[in-house]
Full PDB file with SEQRES, HELIX, SHEET, SSBOND, CRYST1, ORIGX, SCALE, CONECT and MASTER records, all heavy atoms in Angstrom:
SEQRES   1 A   44  LEU ASN GLY CYS SER SER LEU ILE LYS ASP ASN SER ASP          
SEQRES   2 A   44  GLU LEU GLY ILE GLU GLU ILE GLN VAL GLU GLY HIS THR          
SEQRES   3 A   44  ASP SER ASP ARG ILE GLY SER ASP ASP GLY LYS ILE LYS          
SEQRES   4 A   44  ASP ASN TRP ASP LEU                                          
HELIX    1 AA1 ASN A    2  LEU A   15  1                                  14    
CRYST1    1.000    1.000    1.000  90.00  90.00  90.00 P 1           1          
ORIGX1      1.000000  0.000000  0.000000        0.00000                         
ORIGX2      0.000000  1.000000  0.000000        0.00000                         
ORIGX3      0.000000  0.000000  1.000000        0.00000                         
SCALE1      1.000000  0.000000  0.000000        0.00000                         
SCALE2      0.000000  1.000000  0.000000        0.00000                         
SCALE3      0.000000  0.000000  1.000000        0.00000                         
ATOM      1  N   LEU A   1      -9.666  -4.753   1.584  1.00  0.00           N  
ATOM      2  CA  LEU A   1      -9.343  -3.880   0.458  1.00  0.00           C  
ATOM      3  C   LEU A   1     -10.490  -3.825  -0.551  1.00  0.00           C  
ATOM      4  O   LEU A   1     -10.733  -2.775  -1.164  1.00  0.00           O  
ATOM      5  CB  LEU A   1      -8.060  -4.344  -0.219  1.00  0.00           C  
ATOM      6  CG  LEU A   1      -6.777  -4.168   0.611  1.00  0.00           C  
ATOM      7  CD1 LEU A   1      -5.588  -4.780  -0.114  1.00  0.00           C  
ATOM      8  CD2 LEU A   1      -6.514  -2.696   0.912  1.00  0.00           C  
ATOM      9  N   ASN A   2     -11.179  -4.941  -0.716  1.00  0.00           N  
ATOM     10  CA  ASN A   2     -12.359  -4.938  -1.594  1.00  0.00           C  
ATOM     11  C   ASN A   2     -13.418  -3.968  -1.078  1.00  0.00           C  
ATOM     12  O   ASN A   2     -14.038  -3.221  -1.849  1.00  0.00           O  
ATOM     13  CB  ASN A   2     -12.953  -6.343  -1.702  1.00  0.00           C  
ATOM     14  CG  ASN A   2     -12.107  -7.277  -2.546  1.00  0.00           C  
ATOM     15  OD1 ASN A   2     -11.304  -6.834  -3.362  1.00  0.00           O  
ATOM     16  ND2 ASN A   2     -12.276  -8.583  -2.350  1.00  0.00           N  
ATOM     17  N   GLY A   3     -13.616  -3.988   0.239  1.00  0.00           N  
ATOM     18  CA  GLY A   3     -14.586  -3.076   0.839  1.00  0.00           C  
ATOM     19  C   GLY A   3     -14.167  -1.622   0.691  1.00  0.00           C  
ATOM     20  O   GLY A   3     -14.979  -0.751   0.367  1.00  0.00           O  
ATOM     21  N   CYS A   4     -12.876  -1.360   0.904  1.00  0.00           N  
ATOM     22  CA  CYS A   4     -12.364   0.008   0.777  1.00  0.00           C  
ATOM     23  C   CYS A   4     -12.468   0.510  -0.658  1.00  0.00           C  
ATOM     24  O   CYS A   4     -12.898   1.646  -0.901  1.00  0.00           O  
ATOM     25  CB  CYS A   4     -10.901   0.068   1.236  1.00  0.00           C  
ATOM     26  SG  CYS A   4     -10.669  -0.093   3.015  1.00  0.00           S  
ATOM     27  N   SER A   5     -12.072  -0.337  -1.598  1.00  0.00           N  
ATOM     28  CA  SER A   5     -12.109   0.076  -3.003  1.00  0.00           C  
ATOM     29  C   SER A   5     -13.549   0.325  -3.465  1.00  0.00           C  
ATOM     30  O   SER A   5     -13.801   1.243  -4.253  1.00  0.00           O  
ATOM     31  CB  SER A   5     -11.428  -0.969  -3.891  1.00  0.00           C  
ATOM     32  OG  SER A   5     -12.079  -2.226  -3.798  1.00  0.00           O  
ATOM     33  N   SER A   6     -14.495  -0.454  -2.957  1.00  0.00           N  
ATOM     34  CA  SER A   6     -15.904  -0.236  -3.307  1.00  0.00           C  
ATOM     35  C   SER A   6     -16.396   1.110  -2.787  1.00  0.00           C  
ATOM     36  O   SER A   6     -17.094   1.848  -3.497  1.00  0.00           O  
ATOM     37  CB  SER A   6     -16.769  -1.363  -2.743  1.00  0.00           C  
ATOM     38  OG  SER A   6     -16.478  -2.593  -3.367  1.00  0.00           O  
ATOM     39  N   LEU A   7     -16.018   1.439  -1.546  1.00  0.00           N  
ATOM     40  CA  LEU A   7     -16.418   2.730  -0.979  1.00  0.00           C  
ATOM     41  C   LEU A   7     -15.787   3.883  -1.749  1.00  0.00           C  
ATOM     42  O   LEU A   7     -16.437   4.911  -1.995  1.00  0.00           O  
ATOM     43  CB  LEU A   7     -16.015   2.802   0.500  1.00  0.00           C  
ATOM     44  CG  LEU A   7     -16.829   1.946   1.468  1.00  0.00           C  
ATOM     45  CD1 LEU A   7     -16.255   2.059   2.883  1.00  0.00           C  
ATOM     46  CD2 LEU A   7     -18.294   2.359   1.464  1.00  0.00           C  
ATOM     47  N   ILE A   8     -14.531   3.726  -2.118  1.00  0.00           N  
ATOM     48  CA  ILE A   8     -13.850   4.777  -2.877  1.00  0.00           C  
ATOM     49  C   ILE A   8     -14.522   4.958  -4.240  1.00  0.00           C  
ATOM     50  O   ILE A   8     -14.823   6.084  -4.663  1.00  0.00           O  
ATOM     51  CB  ILE A   8     -12.360   4.436  -3.060  1.00  0.00           C  
ATOM     52  CG1 ILE A   8     -11.645   4.463  -1.701  1.00  0.00           C  
ATOM     53  CG2 ILE A   8     -11.694   5.420  -4.027  1.00  0.00           C  
ATOM     54  CD1 ILE A   8     -10.244   3.882  -1.741  1.00  0.00           C  
ATOM     55  N   LYS A   9     -14.765   3.846  -4.910  1.00  0.00           N  
ATOM     56  CA  LYS A   9     -15.365   3.899  -6.246  1.00  0.00           C  
ATOM     57  C   LYS A   9     -16.770   4.491  -6.206  1.00  0.00           C  
ATOM     58  O   LYS A   9     -17.132   5.332  -7.039  1.00  0.00           O  
ATOM     59  CB  LYS A   9     -15.403   2.497  -6.848  1.00  0.00           C  
ATOM     60  CG  LYS A   9     -15.968   2.435  -8.259  1.00  0.00           C  
ATOM     61  CD  LYS A   9     -15.943   1.012  -8.791  1.00  0.00           C  
ATOM     62  CE  LYS A   9     -16.513   0.944 -10.200  1.00  0.00           C  
ATOM     63  NZ  LYS A   9     -16.483  -0.452 -10.731  1.00  0.00           N  
ATOM     64  N   ASP A  10     -17.570   4.068  -5.229  1.00  0.00           N  
ATOM     65  CA  ASP A  10     -18.969   4.506  -5.155  1.00  0.00           C  
ATOM     66  C   ASP A  10     -19.121   5.954  -4.711  1.00  0.00           C  
ATOM     67  O   ASP A  10     -20.165   6.567  -4.955  1.00  0.00           O  
ATOM     68  CB  ASP A  10     -19.747   3.596  -4.198  1.00  0.00           C  
ATOM     69  CG  ASP A  10     -19.862   2.169  -4.716  1.00  0.00           C  
ATOM     70  OD1 ASP A  10     -19.645   1.956  -5.926  1.00  0.00           O  
ATOM     71  OD2 ASP A  10     -20.143   1.262  -3.901  1.00  0.00           O  
ATOM     72  N   ASN A  11     -18.112   6.495  -4.031  1.00  0.00           N  
ATOM     73  CA  ASN A  11     -18.243   7.835  -3.456  1.00  0.00           C  
ATOM     74  C   ASN A  11     -17.229   8.845  -3.987  1.00  0.00           C  
ATOM     75  O   ASN A  11     -17.199   9.976  -3.514  1.00  0.00           O  
ATOM     76  CB  ASN A  11     -18.113   7.761  -1.927  1.00  0.00           C  
ATOM     77  CG  ASN A  11     -19.222   6.970  -1.273  1.00  0.00           C  
ATOM     78  OD1 ASN A  11     -20.301   7.495  -1.015  1.00  0.00           O  
ATOM     79  ND2 ASN A  11     -18.971   5.694  -1.010  1.00  0.00           N  
ATOM     80  N   SER A  12     -16.416   8.433  -4.952  1.00  0.00           N  
ATOM     81  CA  SER A  12     -15.360   9.325  -5.433  1.00  0.00           C  
ATOM     82  C   SER A  12     -15.925  10.596  -6.076  1.00  0.00           C  
ATOM     83  O   SER A  12     -15.372  11.691  -5.897  1.00  0.00           O  
ATOM     84  CB  SER A  12     -14.446   8.590  -6.424  1.00  0.00           C  
ATOM     85  OG  SER A  12     -15.184   8.133  -7.537  1.00  0.00           O  
ATOM     86  N   ASP A  13     -17.021  10.462  -6.808  1.00  0.00           N  
ATOM     87  CA  ASP A  13     -17.614  11.639  -7.453  1.00  0.00           C  
ATOM     88  C   ASP A  13     -18.308  12.544  -6.443  1.00  0.00           C  
ATOM     89  O   ASP A  13     -18.084  13.760  -6.408  1.00  0.00           O  
ATOM     90  CB  ASP A  13     -18.623  11.211  -8.527  1.00  0.00           C  
ATOM     91  CG  ASP A  13     -17.942  10.625  -9.756  1.00  0.00           C  
ATOM     92  OD1 ASP A  13     -16.751  10.924  -9.968  1.00  0.00           O  
ATOM     93  OD2 ASP A  13     -18.592   9.869 -10.488  1.00  0.00           O  
ATOM     94  N   GLU A  14     -19.151  11.955  -5.605  1.00  0.00           N  
ATOM     95  CA  GLU A  14     -19.925  12.746  -4.637  1.00  0.00           C  
ATOM     96  C   GLU A  14     -19.026  13.452  -3.638  1.00  0.00           C  
ATOM     97  O   GLU A  14     -19.244  14.624  -3.303  1.00  0.00           O  
ATOM     98  CB  GLU A  14     -20.910  11.843  -3.894  1.00  0.00           C  
ATOM     99  CG  GLU A  14     -21.750  12.571  -2.863  1.00  0.00           C  
ATOM    100  CD  GLU A  14     -22.651  11.641  -2.073  1.00  0.00           C  
ATOM    101  OE1 GLU A  14     -22.765  10.453  -2.455  1.00  0.00           O  
ATOM    102  OE2 GLU A  14     -23.237  12.097  -1.074  1.00  0.00           O  
ATOM    103  N   LEU A  15     -18.008  12.756  -3.147  1.00  0.00           N  
ATOM    104  CA  LEU A  15     -17.128  13.320  -2.118  1.00  0.00           C  
ATOM    105  C   LEU A  15     -15.879  13.968  -2.704  1.00  0.00           C  
ATOM    106  O   LEU A  15     -15.078  14.530  -1.962  1.00  0.00           O  
ATOM    107  CB  LEU A  15     -16.733  12.226  -1.113  1.00  0.00           C  
ATOM    108  CG  LEU A  15     -17.881  11.602  -0.324  1.00  0.00           C  
ATOM    109  CD1 LEU A  15     -17.350  10.579   0.665  1.00  0.00           C  
ATOM    110  CD2 LEU A  15     -18.680  12.674   0.412  1.00  0.00           C  
ATOM    111  N   GLY A  16     -15.726  13.879  -4.014  1.00  0.00           N  
ATOM    112  CA  GLY A  16     -14.575  14.532  -4.637  1.00  0.00           C  
ATOM    113  C   GLY A  16     -13.252  13.939  -4.201  1.00  0.00           C  
ATOM    114  O   GLY A  16     -12.298  14.677  -3.907  1.00  0.00           O  
ATOM    115  N   ILE A  17     -13.169  12.616  -4.146  1.00  0.00           N  
ATOM    116  CA  ILE A  17     -11.886  11.973  -3.823  1.00  0.00           C  
ATOM    117  C   ILE A  17     -10.977  12.124  -5.034  1.00  0.00           C  
ATOM    118  O   ILE A  17     -11.247  11.590  -6.097  1.00  0.00           O  
ATOM    119  CB  ILE A  17     -12.079  10.486  -3.478  1.00  0.00           C  
ATOM    120  CG1 ILE A  17     -12.992  10.354  -2.253  1.00  0.00           C  
ATOM    121  CG2 ILE A  17     -10.738   9.807  -3.220  1.00  0.00           C  
ATOM    122  CD1 ILE A  17     -13.368   8.915  -1.916  1.00  0.00           C  
ATOM    123  N   GLU A  18      -9.896  12.883  -4.873  1.00  0.00           N  
ATOM    124  CA  GLU A  18      -9.065  13.201  -6.033  1.00  0.00           C  
ATOM    125  C   GLU A  18      -7.699  12.520  -6.018  1.00  0.00           C  
ATOM    126  O   GLU A  18      -7.078  12.361  -7.078  1.00  0.00           O  
ATOM    127  CB  GLU A  18      -8.856  14.710  -6.140  1.00  0.00           C  
ATOM    128  CG  GLU A  18      -8.100  15.327  -4.969  1.00  0.00           C  
ATOM    129  CD  GLU A  18      -7.824  16.803  -5.184  1.00  0.00           C  
ATOM    130  OE1 GLU A  18      -8.093  17.287  -6.305  1.00  0.00           O  
ATOM    131  OE2 GLU A  18      -7.345  17.462  -4.249  1.00  0.00           O  
ATOM    132  N   GLU A  19      -7.230  12.094  -4.865  1.00  0.00           N  
ATOM    133  CA  GLU A  19      -5.889  11.499  -4.815  1.00  0.00           C  
ATOM    134  C   GLU A  19      -5.776  10.553  -3.627  1.00  0.00           C  
ATOM    135  O   GLU A  19      -6.315  10.818  -2.553  1.00  0.00           O  
ATOM    136  CB  GLU A  19      -4.818  12.589  -4.694  1.00  0.00           C  
ATOM    137  CG  GLU A  19      -3.402  12.050  -4.651  1.00  0.00           C  
ATOM    138  CD  GLU A  19      -2.342  13.142  -4.510  1.00  0.00           C  
ATOM    139  OE1 GLU A  19      -2.713  14.336  -4.490  1.00  0.00           O  
ATOM    140  OE2 GLU A  19      -1.155  12.797  -4.408  1.00  0.00           O  
ATOM    141  N   ILE A  20      -5.067   9.439  -3.840  1.00  0.00           N  
ATOM    142  CA  ILE A  20      -4.785   8.490  -2.761  1.00  0.00           C  
ATOM    143  C   ILE A  20      -3.302   8.132  -2.809  1.00  0.00           C  
ATOM    144  O   ILE A  20      -2.812   7.621  -3.821  1.00  0.00           O  
ATOM    145  CB  ILE A  20      -5.641   7.219  -2.881  1.00  0.00           C  
ATOM    146  CG1 ILE A  20      -7.126   7.565  -2.741  1.00  0.00           C  
ATOM    147  CG2 ILE A  20      -5.230   6.193  -1.821  1.00  0.00           C  
ATOM    148  CD1 ILE A  20      -8.060   6.387  -2.913  1.00  0.00           C  
ATOM    149  N   GLN A  21      -2.612   8.429  -1.741  1.00  0.00           N  
ATOM    150  CA  GLN A  21      -1.200   8.077  -1.617  1.00  0.00           C  
ATOM    151  C   GLN A  21      -1.093   6.819  -0.757  1.00  0.00           C  
ATOM    152  O   GLN A  21      -1.598   6.787   0.362  1.00  0.00           O  
ATOM    153  CB  GLN A  21      -0.407   9.222  -0.983  1.00  0.00           C  
ATOM    154  CG  GLN A  21      -0.424  10.503  -1.800  1.00  0.00           C  
ATOM    155  CD  GLN A  21       0.278  11.648  -1.091  1.00  0.00           C  
ATOM    156  OE1 GLN A  21       0.821  11.490   0.000  1.00  0.00           O  
ATOM    157  NE2 GLN A  21       0.246  12.825  -1.710  1.00  0.00           N  
ATOM    158  N   VAL A  22      -0.452   5.801  -1.291  1.00  0.00           N  
ATOM    159  CA  VAL A  22      -0.269   4.540  -0.575  1.00  0.00           C  
ATOM    160  C   VAL A  22       1.177   4.480  -0.084  1.00  0.00           C  
ATOM    161  O   VAL A  22       2.111   4.570  -0.885  1.00  0.00           O  
ATOM    162  CB  VAL A  22      -0.576   3.327  -1.477  1.00  0.00           C  
ATOM    163  CG1 VAL A  22      -0.467   2.034  -0.675  1.00  0.00           C  
ATOM    164  CG2 VAL A  22      -1.966   3.455  -2.102  1.00  0.00           C  
ATOM    165  N   GLU A  23       1.343   4.323   1.233  1.00  0.00           N  
ATOM    166  CA  GLU A  23       2.677   4.325   1.820  1.00  0.00           C  
ATOM    167  C   GLU A  23       2.957   3.013   2.546  1.00  0.00           C  
ATOM    168  O   GLU A  23       2.121   2.534   3.307  1.00  0.00           O  
ATOM    169  CB  GLU A  23       2.832   5.486   2.806  1.00  0.00           C  
ATOM    170  CG  GLU A  23       2.696   6.860   2.164  1.00  0.00           C  
ATOM    171  CD  GLU A  23       2.915   7.977   3.160  1.00  0.00           C  
ATOM    172  OE1 GLU A  23       3.072   7.672   4.378  1.00  0.00           O  
ATOM    173  OE2 GLU A  23       2.930   9.163   2.751  1.00  0.00           O  
ATOM    174  N   GLY A  24       4.136   2.445   2.295  1.00  0.00           N  
ATOM    175  CA  GLY A  24       4.573   1.243   2.996  1.00  0.00           C  
ATOM    176  C   GLY A  24       5.623   1.588   4.038  1.00  0.00           C  
ATOM    177  O   GLY A  24       6.533   2.385   3.777  1.00  0.00           O  
ATOM    178  N   HIS A  25       5.493   0.989   5.233  1.00  0.00           N  
ATOM    179  CA  HIS A  25       6.423   1.246   6.339  1.00  0.00           C  
ATOM    180  C   HIS A  25       6.817  -0.082   6.990  1.00  0.00           C  
ATOM    181  O   HIS A  25       6.001  -1.015   7.057  1.00  0.00           O  
ATOM    182  CB  HIS A  25       5.782   2.157   7.390  1.00  0.00           C  
ATOM    183  CG  HIS A  25       5.349   3.490   6.858  1.00  0.00           C  
ATOM    184  ND1 HIS A  25       6.166   4.587   6.859  1.00  0.00           N  
ATOM    185  CD2 HIS A  25       4.175   3.887   6.303  1.00  0.00           C  
ATOM    186  CE1 HIS A  25       5.513   5.622   6.336  1.00  0.00           C  
ATOM    187  NE2 HIS A  25       4.302   5.218   5.986  1.00  0.00           N  
ATOM    188  N   THR A  26       8.035  -0.155   7.494  1.00  0.00           N  
ATOM    189  CA  THR A  26       8.525  -1.373   8.150  1.00  0.00           C  
ATOM    190  C   THR A  26       9.083  -1.048   9.528  1.00  0.00           C  
ATOM    191  O   THR A  26       9.191   0.121   9.909  1.00  0.00           O  
ATOM    192  CB  THR A  26       9.637  -2.047   7.321  1.00  0.00           C  
ATOM    193  OG1 THR A  26      10.818  -1.224   7.375  1.00  0.00           O  
ATOM    194  CG2 THR A  26       9.222  -2.225   5.868  1.00  0.00           C  
ATOM    195  N   ASP A  27       9.466  -2.110  10.240  1.00  0.00           N  
ATOM    196  CA  ASP A  27      10.205  -1.904  11.486  1.00  0.00           C  
ATOM    197  C   ASP A  27      11.697  -1.852  11.155  1.00  0.00           C  
ATOM    198  O   ASP A  27      12.080  -1.758   9.985  1.00  0.00           O  
ATOM    199  CB  ASP A  27       9.879  -3.001  12.505  1.00  0.00           C  
ATOM    200  CG  ASP A  27      10.207  -4.387  11.983  1.00  0.00           C  
ATOM    201  OD1 ASP A  27      11.084  -4.520  11.113  1.00  0.00           O  
ATOM    202  OD2 ASP A  27       9.567  -5.360  12.441  1.00  0.00           O  
ATOM    203  N   SER A  28      12.534  -1.915  12.179  1.00  0.00           N  
ATOM    204  CA  SER A  28      13.979  -1.764  11.968  1.00  0.00           C  
ATOM    205  C   SER A  28      14.707  -3.088  11.784  1.00  0.00           C  
ATOM    206  O   SER A  28      15.927  -3.094  11.551  1.00  0.00           O  
ATOM    207  CB  SER A  28      14.592  -1.007  13.150  1.00  0.00           C  
ATOM    208  OG  SER A  28      14.376  -1.727  14.370  1.00  0.00           O  
ATOM    209  N   ASP A  29      14.000  -4.216  11.880  1.00  0.00           N  
ATOM    210  CA  ASP A  29      14.655  -5.518  11.723  1.00  0.00           C  
ATOM    211  C   ASP A  29      15.157  -5.686  10.293  1.00  0.00           C  
ATOM    212  O   ASP A  29      14.458  -5.355   9.330  1.00  0.00           O  
ATOM    213  CB  ASP A  29      13.676  -6.656  12.061  1.00  0.00           C  
ATOM    214  CG  ASP A  29      13.378  -6.729  13.537  1.00  0.00           C  
ATOM    215  OD1 ASP A  29      14.059  -6.020  14.313  1.00  0.00           O  
ATOM    216  OD2 ASP A  29      12.454  -7.477  13.914  1.00  0.00           O  
ATOM    217  N   ARG A  30      16.371  -6.226  10.180  1.00  0.00           N  
ATOM    218  CA  ARG A  30      16.910  -6.506   8.847  1.00  0.00           C  
ATOM    219  C   ARG A  30      16.116  -7.657   8.225  1.00  0.00           C  
ATOM    220  O   ARG A  30      15.681  -8.577   8.912  1.00  0.00           O  
ATOM    221  CB  ARG A  30      18.384  -6.874   8.938  1.00  0.00           C  
ATOM    222  CG  ARG A  30      19.270  -5.740   9.462  1.00  0.00           C  
ATOM    223  CD  ARG A  30      20.737  -6.105   9.389  1.00  0.00           C  
ATOM    224  NE  ARG A  30      21.162  -6.275   7.999  1.00  0.00           N  
ATOM    225  CZ  ARG A  30      22.408  -6.599   7.643  1.00  0.00           C  
ATOM    226  NH1 ARG A  30      23.327  -6.817   8.589  1.00  0.00           N  
ATOM    227  NH2 ARG A  30      22.720  -6.730   6.372  1.00  0.00           N  
ATOM    228  N   ILE A  31      15.928  -7.559   6.936  1.00  0.00           N  
ATOM    229  CA  ILE A  31      15.087  -8.550   6.287  1.00  0.00           C  
ATOM    230  C   ILE A  31      15.607  -8.829   4.883  1.00  0.00           C  
ATOM    231  O   ILE A  31      16.272  -8.008   4.260  1.00  0.00           O  
ATOM    232  CB  ILE A  31      13.622  -8.067   6.228  1.00  0.00           C  
ATOM    233  CG1 ILE A  31      12.682  -9.229   5.987  1.00  0.00           C  
ATOM    234  CG2 ILE A  31      13.443  -6.988   5.185  1.00  0.00           C  
ATOM    235  CD1 ILE A  31      11.241  -8.903   6.275  1.00  0.00           C  
ATOM    236  N   GLY A  32      15.293 -10.031   4.399  1.00  0.00           N  
ATOM    237  CA  GLY A  32      15.671 -10.429   3.050  1.00  0.00           C  
ATOM    238  C   GLY A  32      15.025 -11.764   2.753  1.00  0.00           C  
ATOM    239  O   GLY A  32      14.761 -12.553   3.665  1.00  0.00           O  
ATOM    240  N   SER A  33      14.746 -12.043   1.500  1.00  0.00           N  
ATOM    241  CA  SER A  33      14.104 -13.300   1.136  1.00  0.00           C  
ATOM    242  C   SER A  33      15.121 -14.234   0.494  1.00  0.00           C  
ATOM    243  O   SER A  33      16.105 -13.797  -0.112  1.00  0.00           O  
ATOM    244  CB  SER A  33      12.938 -13.049   0.171  1.00  0.00           C  
ATOM    245  OG  SER A  33      13.385 -12.404  -1.000  1.00  0.00           O  
ATOM    246  N   ASP A  34      14.871 -15.536   0.640  1.00  0.00           N  
ATOM    247  CA  ASP A  34      15.792 -16.536   0.097  1.00  0.00           C  
ATOM    248  C   ASP A  34      15.894 -16.449  -1.426  1.00  0.00           C  
ATOM    249  O   ASP A  34      16.945 -16.743  -2.000  1.00  0.00           O  
ATOM    250  CB  ASP A  34      15.341 -17.949   0.504  1.00  0.00           C  
ATOM    251  CG  ASP A  34      15.433 -18.157   2.014  1.00  0.00           C  
ATOM    252  OD1 ASP A  34      16.249 -17.463   2.650  1.00  0.00           O  
ATOM    253  OD2 ASP A  34      14.680 -19.000   2.534  1.00  0.00           O  
ATOM    254  N   ASP A  35      14.803 -16.058  -2.080  1.00  0.00           N  
ATOM    255  CA  ASP A  35      14.826 -15.995  -3.544  1.00  0.00           C  
ATOM    256  C   ASP A  35      15.406 -14.690  -4.076  1.00  0.00           C  
ATOM    257  O   ASP A  35      15.520 -14.491  -5.284  1.00  0.00           O  
ATOM    258  CB  ASP A  35      13.419 -16.204  -4.108  1.00  0.00           C  
ATOM    259  CG  ASP A  35      12.419 -15.177  -3.569  1.00  0.00           C  
ATOM    260  OD1 ASP A  35      12.848 -14.196  -2.936  1.00  0.00           O  
ATOM    261  OD2 ASP A  35      11.211 -15.380  -3.774  1.00  0.00           O  
ATOM    262  N   GLY A  36      15.768 -13.790  -3.159  1.00  0.00           N  
ATOM    263  CA  GLY A  36      16.398 -12.543  -3.575  1.00  0.00           C  
ATOM    264  C   GLY A  36      15.456 -11.468  -4.061  1.00  0.00           C  
ATOM    265  O   GLY A  36      15.885 -10.381  -4.457  1.00  0.00           O  
ATOM    266  N   LYS A  37      14.136 -11.736  -4.020  1.00  0.00           N  
ATOM    267  CA  LYS A  37      13.171 -10.743  -4.497  1.00  0.00           C  
ATOM    268  C   LYS A  37      13.069  -9.563  -3.528  1.00  0.00           C  
ATOM    269  O   LYS A  37      12.805  -8.438  -3.945  1.00  0.00           O  
ATOM    270  CB  LYS A  37      11.808 -11.398  -4.694  1.00  0.00           C  
ATOM    271  CG  LYS A  37      11.768 -12.394  -5.853  1.00  0.00           C  
ATOM    272  CD  LYS A  37      10.371 -12.969  -6.029  1.00  0.00           C  
ATOM    273  CE  LYS A  37      10.329 -13.939  -7.210  1.00  0.00           C  
ATOM    274  NZ  LYS A  37       8.974 -14.521  -7.403  1.00  0.00           N  
ATOM    275  N   ILE A  38      13.225  -9.856  -2.243  1.00  0.00           N  
ATOM    276  CA  ILE A  38      13.203  -8.796  -1.232  1.00  0.00           C  
ATOM    277  C   ILE A  38      14.614  -8.663  -0.662  1.00  0.00           C  
ATOM    278  O   ILE A  38      15.100  -9.558   0.031  1.00  0.00           O  
ATOM    279  CB  ILE A  38      12.203  -9.107  -0.095  1.00  0.00           C  
ATOM    280  CG1 ILE A  38      10.794  -9.295  -0.655  1.00  0.00           C  
ATOM    281  CG2 ILE A  38      12.224  -7.992   0.944  1.00  0.00           C  
ATOM    282  CD1 ILE A  38      10.189  -8.057  -1.255  1.00  0.00           C  
ATOM    283  N   LYS A  39      15.285  -7.559  -0.952  1.00  0.00           N  
ATOM    284  CA  LYS A  39      16.662  -7.385  -0.503  1.00  0.00           C  
ATOM    285  C   LYS A  39      16.745  -6.754   0.886  1.00  0.00           C  
ATOM    286  O   LYS A  39      17.623  -7.086   1.683  1.00  0.00           O  
ATOM    287  CB  LYS A  39      17.421  -6.524  -1.503  1.00  0.00           C  
ATOM    288  CG  LYS A  39      17.575  -7.164  -2.867  1.00  0.00           C  
ATOM    289  CD  LYS A  39      18.341  -6.247  -3.811  1.00  0.00           C  
ATOM    290  CE  LYS A  39      18.500  -6.904  -5.181  1.00  0.00           C  
ATOM    291  NZ  LYS A  39      19.237  -6.015  -6.118  1.00  0.00           N  
ATOM    292  N   ASP A  40      15.851  -5.826   1.153  1.00  0.00           N  
ATOM    293  CA  ASP A  40      15.901  -5.114   2.430  1.00  0.00           C  
ATOM    294  C   ASP A  40      14.554  -4.450   2.685  1.00  0.00           C  
ATOM    295  O   ASP A  40      13.585  -4.676   1.955  1.00  0.00           O  
ATOM    296  CB  ASP A  40      17.034  -4.077   2.429  1.00  0.00           C  
ATOM    297  CG  ASP A  40      16.967  -3.141   1.220  1.00  0.00           C  
ATOM    298  OD1 ASP A  40      15.862  -2.943   0.673  1.00  0.00           O  
ATOM    299  OD2 ASP A  40      18.018  -2.599   0.826  1.00  0.00           O  
ATOM    300  N   ASN A  41      14.502  -3.616   3.718  1.00  0.00           N  
ATOM    301  CA  ASN A  41      13.240  -2.958   4.080  1.00  0.00           C  
ATOM    302  C   ASN A  41      12.786  -1.930   3.046  1.00  0.00           C  
ATOM    303  O   ASN A  41      11.590  -1.629   2.964  1.00  0.00           O  
ATOM    304  CB  ASN A  41      13.364  -2.299   5.463  1.00  0.00           C  
ATOM    305  CG  ASN A  41      13.230  -3.308   6.586  1.00  0.00           C  
ATOM    306  OD1 ASN A  41      12.411  -4.219   6.510  1.00  0.00           O  
ATOM    307  ND2 ASN A  41      14.044  -3.163   7.626  1.00  0.00           N  
ATOM    308  N   TRP A  42      13.715  -1.381   2.285  1.00  0.00           N  
ATOM    309  CA  TRP A  42      13.311  -0.503   1.186  1.00  0.00           C  
ATOM    310  C   TRP A  42      12.479  -1.283   0.179  1.00  0.00           C  
ATOM    311  O   TRP A  42      11.428  -0.820  -0.275  1.00  0.00           O  
ATOM    312  CB  TRP A  42      14.538   0.104   0.498  1.00  0.00           C  
ATOM    313  CG  TRP A  42      15.182   1.238   1.228  1.00  0.00           C  
ATOM    314  CD1 TRP A  42      16.427   1.250   1.788  1.00  0.00           C  
ATOM    315  CD2 TRP A  42      14.610   2.526   1.488  1.00  0.00           C  
ATOM    316  NE1 TRP A  42      16.670   2.466   2.376  1.00  0.00           N  
ATOM    317  CE2 TRP A  42      15.580   3.269   2.209  1.00  0.00           C  
ATOM    318  CE3 TRP A  42      13.388   3.123   1.187  1.00  0.00           C  
ATOM    319  CZ2 TRP A  42      15.353   4.586   2.620  1.00  0.00           C  
ATOM    320  CZ3 TRP A  42      13.164   4.425   1.605  1.00  0.00           C  
ATOM    321  CH2 TRP A  42      14.136   5.145   2.313  1.00  0.00           C  
ATOM    322  N   ASP A  43      12.980  -2.457  -0.182  1.00  0.00           N  
ATOM    323  CA  ASP A  43      12.244  -3.313  -1.113  1.00  0.00           C  
ATOM    324  C   ASP A  43      10.882  -3.703  -0.554  1.00  0.00           C  
ATOM    325  O   ASP A  43       9.864  -3.626  -1.242  1.00  0.00           O  
ATOM    326  CB  ASP A  43      13.042  -4.589  -1.399  1.00  0.00           C  
ATOM    327  CG  ASP A  43      13.943  -4.445  -2.611  1.00  0.00           C  
ATOM    328  OD1 ASP A  43      13.855  -3.423  -3.300  1.00  0.00           O  
ATOM    329  OD2 ASP A  43      14.749  -5.355  -2.857  1.00  0.00           O  
ATOM    330  N   LEU A  44      10.882  -4.133   0.702  1.00  0.00           N  
ATOM    331  CA  LEU A  44       9.649  -4.624   1.312  1.00  0.00           C  
ATOM    332  C   LEU A  44       8.579  -3.536   1.372  1.00  0.00           C  
ATOM    333  O   LEU A  44       7.431  -3.756   0.967  1.00  0.00           O  
ATOM    334  CB  LEU A  44       9.925  -5.167   2.715  1.00  0.00           C  
ATOM    335  CG  LEU A  44       8.717  -5.706   3.474  1.00  0.00           C  
ATOM    336  CD1 LEU A  44       8.086  -6.869   2.720  1.00  0.00           C  
ATOM    337  CD2 LEU A  44       9.122  -6.130   4.892  1.00  0.00           C  
TER     338      LEU A  44                                                      
MASTER        0    0    0    1    0    0    0    6  337    1    0    4          
END                                                                             
């Protein structure tokens, strides 16, 4: 991520990088954390 962010920062003006959408995806296994911070795959 450090390498990616450096490339984005160094080239955003020259290449006109205007937007970055970050998407999280999971598998279908049910999931949850013992501390309750992660309730399900939506949370994760």
